[in-house]
PDB file of N, CA and C in Angstrom:
ATOM      1  N   UNK A   1     -63.572 154.703 118.025  1.00  0.00           N
ATOM      2  CA  UNK A   1     -62.665 153.619 117.341  1.00  0.00           C
ATOM      3  C   UNK A   1     -63.371 153.401 115.872  1.00  0.00           C
ATOM      4  N   UNK A   2     -64.309 153.698 115.800  1.00  0.00           N
ATOM      5  CA  UNK A   2     -65.046 153.145 114.622  1.00  0.00           C
ATOM      6  C   UNK A   2     -64.361 154.240 113.530  1.00  0.00           C
ATOM      7  N   UNK A   3     -64.666 155.452 113.991  1.00  0.00           N
ATOM      8  CA  UNK A   3     -64.412 156.423 113.219  1.00  0.00           C
ATOM      9  C   UNK A   3     -62.784 156.130 112.475  1.00  0.00           C
ATOM     10  N   UNK A   4     -61.941 155.541 113.102  1.00  0.00           N
ATOM     11  CA  UNK A   4     -60.384 155.292 113.018  1.00  0.00           C
ATOM     12  C   UNK A   4     -60.231 154.645 111.790  1.00  0.00           C
ATOM     13  N   UNK A   5     -60.753 153.199 112.021  1.00  0.00           N
ATOM     14  CA  UNK A   5     -61.012 151.999 110.715  1.00  0.00           C
ATOM     15  C   UNK A   5     -61.741 152.345 109.448  1.00  0.00           C
ATOM     16  N   UNK A   6     -62.804 153.801 109.413  1.00  0.00           N
ATOM     17  CA  UNK A   6     -63.550 154.344 108.686  1.00  0.00           C
ATOM     18  C   UNK A   6     -62.172 155.136 107.464  1.00  0.00           C
ATOM     19  N   UNK A   7     -61.636 155.965 108.311  1.00  0.00           N
ATOM     20  CA  UNK A   7     -60.966 156.842 108.125  1.00  0.00           C
ATOM     21  C   UNK A   7     -59.828 156.248 107.195  1.00  0.00           C
ATOM     22  N   UNK A   8     -59.480 154.919 108.127  1.00  0.00           N
ATOM     23  CA  UNK A   8     -58.356 154.197 107.632  1.00  0.00           C
ATOM     24  C   UNK A   8     -58.503 153.316 106.449  1.00  0.00           C
ATOM     25  N   UNK A   9     -59.590 152.677 105.961  1.00  0.00           N
ATOM     26  CA  UNK A   9     -59.841 152.239 104.529  1.00  0.00           C
ATOM     27  C   UNK A   9     -60.207 153.106 103.751  1.00  0.00           C
ATOM     28  N   UNK A  10     -60.801 154.323 104.275  1.00  0.00           N
ATOM     29  CA  UNK A  10     -60.703 155.624 103.217  1.00  0.00           C
ATOM     30  C   UNK A  10     -59.698 156.299 102.624  1.00  0.00           C
ATOM     31  N   UNK A  11     -58.508 155.802 103.220  1.00  0.00           N
ATOM     32  CA  UNK A  11     -57.126 155.831 102.876  1.00  0.00           C
ATOM     33  C   UNK A  11     -56.678 154.922 101.917  1.00  0.00           C
ATOM     34  N   UNK A  12     -57.032 154.419 102.121  1.00  0.00           N
ATOM     35  CA  UNK A  12     -56.381 152.827 101.754  1.00  0.00           C
ATOM     36  C   UNK A  12     -57.104 153.052 100.221  1.00  0.00           C
ATOM     37  N   UNK A  13     -58.741 153.316  99.926  1.00  0.00           N
ATOM     38  CA  UNK A  13     -59.398 153.279  98.392  1.00  0.00           C
ATOM     39  C   UNK A  13     -58.546 154.468  98.011  1.00  0.00           C
ATOM     40  N   UNK A  14     -58.790 155.407  98.811  1.00  0.00           N
ATOM     41  CA  UNK A  14     -57.774 156.870  98.155  1.00  0.00           C
ATOM     42  C   UNK A  14     -56.228 156.203  97.700  1.00  0.00           C
ATOM     43  N   UNK A  15     -55.593 155.656  98.282  1.00  0.00           N
ATOM     44  CA  UNK A  15     -54.094 155.350  97.672  1.00  0.00           C
ATOM     45  C   UNK A  15     -54.266 154.208  96.373  1.00  0.00           C
ATOM     46  N   UNK A  16     -55.721 153.540  96.679  1.00  0.00           N
ATOM     47  CA  UNK A  16     -55.131 153.057  94.825  1.00  0.00           C
ATOM     48  C   UNK A  16     -55.839 153.751  93.741  1.00  0.00           C
ATOM     49  N   UNK A  17     -56.633 154.901  94.528  1.00  0.00           N
ATOM     50  CA  UNK A  17     -56.860 155.566  93.141  1.00  0.00           C
ATOM     51  C   UNK A  17     -55.692 156.475  92.489  1.00  0.00           C
ATOM     52  N   UNK A  18     -54.765 156.714  93.480  1.00  0.00           N
ATOM     53  CA  UNK A  18     -53.857 157.721  93.272  1.00  0.00           C
ATOM     54  C   UNK A  18     -53.301 156.337  92.365  1.00  0.00           C
ATOM     55  N   UNK A  19     -52.765 155.305  92.514  1.00  0.00           N
ATOM     56  CA  UNK A  19     -51.944 155.238  91.555  1.00  0.00           C
ATOM     57  C   UNK A  19     -53.047 154.944  90.509  1.00  0.00           C
ATOM     58  N   UNK A  20     -53.699 154.230  89.903  1.00  0.00           N
ATOM     59  CA  UNK A  20     -54.405 154.373  88.807  1.00  0.00           C
ATOM     60  C   UNK A  20     -54.514 155.630  88.100  1.00  0.00           C
ATOM     61  N   UNK A  21     -54.945 156.401  88.942  1.00  0.00           N
ATOM     62  CA  UNK A  21     -54.576 158.056  88.202  1.00  0.00           C
ATOM     63  C   UNK A  21     -52.771 157.982  87.760  1.00  0.00           C
ATOM     64  N   UNK A  22     -52.368 157.698  88.086  1.00  0.00           N
ATOM     65  CA  UNK A  22     -50.624 158.190  87.934  1.00  0.00           C
ATOM     66  C   UNK A  22     -50.315 157.054  86.667  1.00  0.00           C
ATOM     67  N   UNK A  23     -51.041 156.061  86.762  1.00  0.00           N
ATOM     68  CA  UNK A  23     -50.545 155.171  85.429  1.00  0.00           C
ATOM     69  C   UNK A  23     -51.486 155.360  84.139  1.00  0.00           C
ATOM     70  N   UNK A  24     -52.649 155.887  84.799  1.00  0.00           N
ATOM     71  CA  UNK A  24     -53.511 156.552  83.404  1.00  0.00           C
ATOM     72  C   UNK A  24     -52.720 157.461  83.250  1.00  0.00           C
ATOM     73  N   UNK A  25     -52.425 158.468  84.001  1.00  0.00           N
ATOM     74  CA  UNK A  25     -51.504 159.960  83.352  1.00  0.00           C
ATOM     75  C   UNK A  25     -50.123 159.285  82.277  1.00  0.00           C
ATOM     76  N   UNK A  26     -49.120 158.487  83.087  1.00  0.00           N
ATOM     77  CA  UNK A  26     -47.885 157.981  82.458  1.00  0.00           C
ATOM     78  C   UNK A  26     -47.907 157.360  80.673  1.00  0.00           C
ATOM     79  N   UNK A  27     -49.407 156.733  80.615  1.00  0.00           N
ATOM     80  CA  UNK A  27     -49.681 156.235  80.020  1.00  0.00           C
ATOM     81  C   UNK A  27     -50.504 156.775  78.767  1.00  0.00           C
ATOM     82  N   UNK A  28     -51.014 158.534  79.408  1.00  0.00           N
ATOM     83  CA  UNK A  28     -51.698 158.972  77.913  1.00  0.00           C
ATOM     84  C   UNK A  28     -51.088 160.337  77.993  1.00  0.00           C
ATOM     85  N   UNK A  29     -50.156 160.512  78.910  1.00  0.00           N
ATOM     86  CA  UNK A  29     -49.219 161.629  78.807  1.00  0.00           C
ATOM     87  C   UNK A  29     -47.967 161.879  78.032  1.00  0.00           C
ATOM     88  N   UNK A  30     -47.359 162.578  77.240  1.00  0.00           N
ATOM     89  CA  UNK A  30     -46.373 163.018  76.010  1.00  0.00           C
ATOM     90  C   UNK A  30     -45.151 163.003  77.341  1.00  0.00           C
ATOM     91  N   UNK A  31     -43.977 162.569  77.012  1.00  0.00           N
ATOM     92  CA  UNK A  31     -42.641 162.530  77.535  1.00  0.00           C
ATOM     93  C   UNK A  31     -42.578 163.888  78.277  1.00  0.00           C
ATOM     94  N   UNK A  32     -42.453 165.135  77.251  1.00  0.00           N
ATOM     95  CA  UNK A  32     -42.616 166.210  77.498  1.00  0.00           C
ATOM     96  C   UNK A  32     -43.838 166.976  78.377  1.00  0.00           C
ATOM     97  N   UNK A  33     -45.030 166.238  78.553  1.00  0.00           N
ATOM     98  CA  UNK A  33     -45.821 167.060  79.738  1.00  0.00           C
ATOM     99  C   UNK A  33     -45.678 165.819  80.798  1.00  0.00           C
ATOM    100  N   UNK A  34     -45.072 164.986  80.943  1.00  0.00           N
ATOM    101  CA  UNK A  34     -44.270 164.141  82.145  1.00  0.00           C
ATOM    102  C   UNK A  34     -43.101 164.856  82.317  1.00  0.00           C
ATOM    103  N   UNK A  35     -42.410 165.364  82.301  1.00  0.00           N
ATOM    104  CA  UNK A  35     -41.232 166.263  82.878  1.00  0.00           C
ATOM    105  C   UNK A  35     -41.722 167.439  82.718  1.00  0.00           C
ATOM    106  N   UNK A  36     -42.934 168.320  82.548  1.00  0.00           N
ATOM    107  CA  UNK A  36     -43.299 169.248  83.087  1.00  0.00           C
ATOM    108  C   UNK A  36     -44.083 168.817  84.432  1.00  0.00           C
ATOM    109  N   UNK A  37     -44.917 168.000  84.663  1.00  0.00           N
ATOM    110  CA  UNK A  37     -45.843 167.316  85.802  1.00  0.00           C
ATOM    111  C   UNK A  37     -44.876 167.400  86.736  1.00  0.00           C
ATOM    112  N   UNK A  38     -43.221 166.451  86.483  1.00  0.00           N
ATOM    113  CA  UNK A  38     -42.679 166.124  87.401  1.00  0.00           C
ATOM    114  C   UNK A  38     -42.043 167.193  88.262  1.00  0.00           C
ATOM    115  N   UNK A  39     -41.431 168.502  87.258  1.00  0.00           N
ATOM    116  CA  UNK A  39     -40.715 169.720  87.614  1.00  0.00           C
ATOM    117  C   UNK A  39     -41.807 170.116  88.684  1.00  0.00           C
ATOM    118  N   UNK A  40     -43.163 169.805  88.062  1.00  0.00           N
ATOM    119  CA  UNK A  40     -43.873 171.032  89.608  1.00  0.00           C
ATOM    120  C   UNK A  40     -44.421 170.305  90.492  1.00  0.00           C
ATOM    121  N   UNK A  41     -44.181 168.809  90.358  1.00  0.00           N
ATOM    122  CA  UNK A  41     -44.726 168.440  91.844  1.00  0.00           C
ATOM    123  C   UNK A  41     -43.512 167.979  92.490  1.00  0.00           C
ATOM    124  N   UNK A  42     -42.273 167.918  92.037  1.00  0.00           N
ATOM    125  CA  UNK A  42     -41.317 167.633  92.842  1.00  0.00           C
ATOM    126  C   UNK A  42     -40.047 168.232  92.770  1.00  0.00           C
ATOM    127  N   UNK A  43     -40.377 169.913  93.322  1.00  0.00           N
ATOM    128  CA  UNK A  43     -39.289 170.702  92.957  1.00  0.00           C
ATOM    129  C   UNK A  43     -37.972 170.935  93.665  1.00  0.00           C
ATOM    130  N   UNK A  44     -37.885 169.775  94.698  1.00  0.00           N
ATOM    131  CA  UNK A  44     -36.511 169.345  94.723  1.00  0.00           C
ATOM    132  C   UNK A  44     -35.546 168.497  94.424  1.00  0.00           C
ATOM    133  N   UNK A  45     -36.290 167.869  93.405  1.00  0.00           N
ATOM    134  CA  UNK A  45     -36.016 166.792  92.182  1.00  0.00           C
ATOM    135  C   UNK A  45     -35.781 167.751  91.038  1.00  0.00           C
ATOM    136  N   UNK A  46     -35.925 169.023  91.081  1.00  0.00           N
ATOM    137  CA  UNK A  46     -36.111 169.386  89.845  1.00  0.00           C
ATOM    138  C   UNK A  46     -34.485 170.400  89.584  1.00  0.00           C
ATOM    139  N   UNK A  47     -34.140 170.469  88.318  1.00  0.00           N
ATOM    140  CA  UNK A  47     -32.934 171.181  88.147  1.00  0.00           C
ATOM    141  C   UNK A  47     -32.829 172.671  89.089  1.00  0.00           C
ATOM    142  N   UNK A  48     -32.370 173.049  90.059  1.00  0.00           N
ATOM    143  CA  UNK A  48     -32.471 174.622  90.384  1.00  0.00           C
ATOM    144  C   UNK A  48     -31.760 175.801  89.529  1.00  0.00           C
ATOM    145  N   UNK A  49     -32.666 176.564  89.501  1.00  0.00           N
ATOM    146  CA  UNK A  49     -31.327 177.542  88.555  1.00  0.00           C
ATOM    147  C   UNK A  49     -30.704 178.414  89.979  1.00  0.00           C
ATOM    148  N   UNK A  50     -30.691 178.636  90.764  1.00  0.00           N
ATOM    149  CA  UNK A  50     -29.589 179.646  91.534  1.00  0.00           C
ATOM    150  C   UNK A  50     -28.968 178.532  92.277  1.00  0.00           C
ATOM    151  N   UNK A  51     -28.648 177.961  91.650  1.00  0.00           N
ATOM    152  CA  UNK A  51     -26.964 177.210  92.010  1.00  0.00           C
ATOM    153  C   UNK A  51     -25.903 177.918  92.744  1.00  0.00           C
ATOM    154  N   UNK A  52     -25.554 178.959  91.614  1.00  0.00           N
ATOM    155  CA  UNK A  52     -24.520 179.988  91.613  1.00  0.00           C
ATOM    156  C   UNK A  52     -24.343 180.600  92.596  1.00  0.00           C
ATOM    157  N   UNK A  53     -25.496 181.054  93.091  1.00  0.00           N
ATOM    158  CA  UNK A  53     -25.692 181.705  94.109  1.00  0.00           C
ATOM    159  C   UNK A  53     -25.359 181.772  95.735  1.00  0.00           C
ATOM    160  N   UNK A  54     -25.116 180.134  95.929  1.00  0.00           N
ATOM    161  CA  UNK A  54     -24.526 180.257  96.961  1.00  0.00           C
ATOM    162  C   UNK A  54     -25.695 179.168  97.933  1.00  0.00           C
ATOM    163  N   UNK A  55     -27.033 179.884  97.602  1.00  0.00           N
ATOM    164  CA  UNK A  55     -28.004 179.436  98.426  1.00  0.00           C
ATOM    165  C   UNK A  55     -28.463 178.210  98.509  1.00  0.00           C
ATOM    166  N   UNK A  56     -28.423 177.550  99.493  1.00  0.00           N
ATOM    167  CA  UNK A  56     -28.920 176.200  99.635  1.00  0.00           C
ATOM    168  C   UNK A  56     -30.330 176.377 100.366  1.00  0.00           C
ATOM    169  N   UNK A  57     -31.040 174.549  99.617  1.00  0.00           N
ATOM    170  CA  UNK A  57     -32.899 174.686 100.380  1.00  0.00           C
ATOM    171  C   UNK A  57     -32.531 175.283 101.361  1.00  0.00           C
ATOM    172  N   UNK A  58     -33.882 175.902 101.996  1.00  0.00           N
ATOM    173  CA  UNK A  58     -34.290 176.084 103.671  1.00  0.00           C
ATOM    174  C   UNK A  58     -32.820 176.863 104.366  1.00  0.00           C
ATOM    175  N   UNK A  59     -32.218 177.482 103.207  1.00  0.00           N
ATOM    176  CA  UNK A  59     -31.163 178.286 104.155  1.00  0.00           C
ATOM    177  C   UNK A  59     -31.982 179.810 104.785  1.00  0.00           C
ATOM    178  N   UNK A  60     -33.123 179.581 104.247  1.00  0.00           N
ATOM    179  CA  UNK A  60     -33.886 181.260 104.494  1.00  0.00           C
ATOM    180  C   UNK A  60     -34.371 180.754 106.023  1.00  0.00           C
ATOM    181  N   UNK A  61     -34.277 179.712 106.458  1.00  0.00           N
ATOM    182  CA  UNK A  61     -35.094 179.546 108.085  1.00  0.00           C
ATOM    183  C   UNK A  61     -34.324 179.808 108.741  1.00  0.00           C
ATOM    184  N   UNK A  62     -32.857 179.664 108.354  1.00  0.00           N
ATOM    185  CA  UNK A  62     -31.951 180.104 109.709  1.00  0.00           C
ATOM    186  C   UNK A  62     -31.969 181.894 110.103  1.00  0.00           C
ATOM    187  N   UNK A  63     -32.017 182.675 108.511  1.00  0.00           N
ATOM    188  CA  UNK A  63     -31.992 184.015 108.751  1.00  0.00           C
ATOM    189  C   UNK A  63     -32.634 184.549 108.887  1.00  0.00           C
ATOM    190  N   UNK A  64     -34.065 184.241 108.587  1.00  0.00           N
ATOM    191  CA  UNK A  64     -35.589 184.846 109.004  1.00  0.00           C
ATOM    192  C   UNK A  64     -35.758 185.520 110.817  1.00  0.00           C
ATOM    193  N   UNK A  65     -36.550 186.439 110.852  1.00  0.00           N
ATOM    194  CA  UNK A  65     -36.629 186.855 112.207  1.00  0.00           C
ATOM    195  C   UNK A  65     -35.589 187.097 113.228  1.00  0.00           C
ATOM    196  N   UNK A  66     -34.209 187.236 111.919  1.00  0.00           N
ATOM    197  CA  UNK A  66     -33.110 188.039 113.170  1.00  0.00           C
ATOM    198  C   UNK A  66     -32.634 189.717 112.888  1.00  0.00           C
TER     199      UNK A  66
END
């Protein structure tokens, strides 16, 4: 049980560090760098180039293995 509390405390510390680093990144990065970073870190939100092909995200899961 003590280990669970230690892990939770460490997670909280890491969350705070992530918030601080994100804030620092937003302060120091140029708009172009932020756009590139956001495109790399969240591909689901980035514009998809294969929209015209008719494929949807995750469509490969239903066709693989048949």
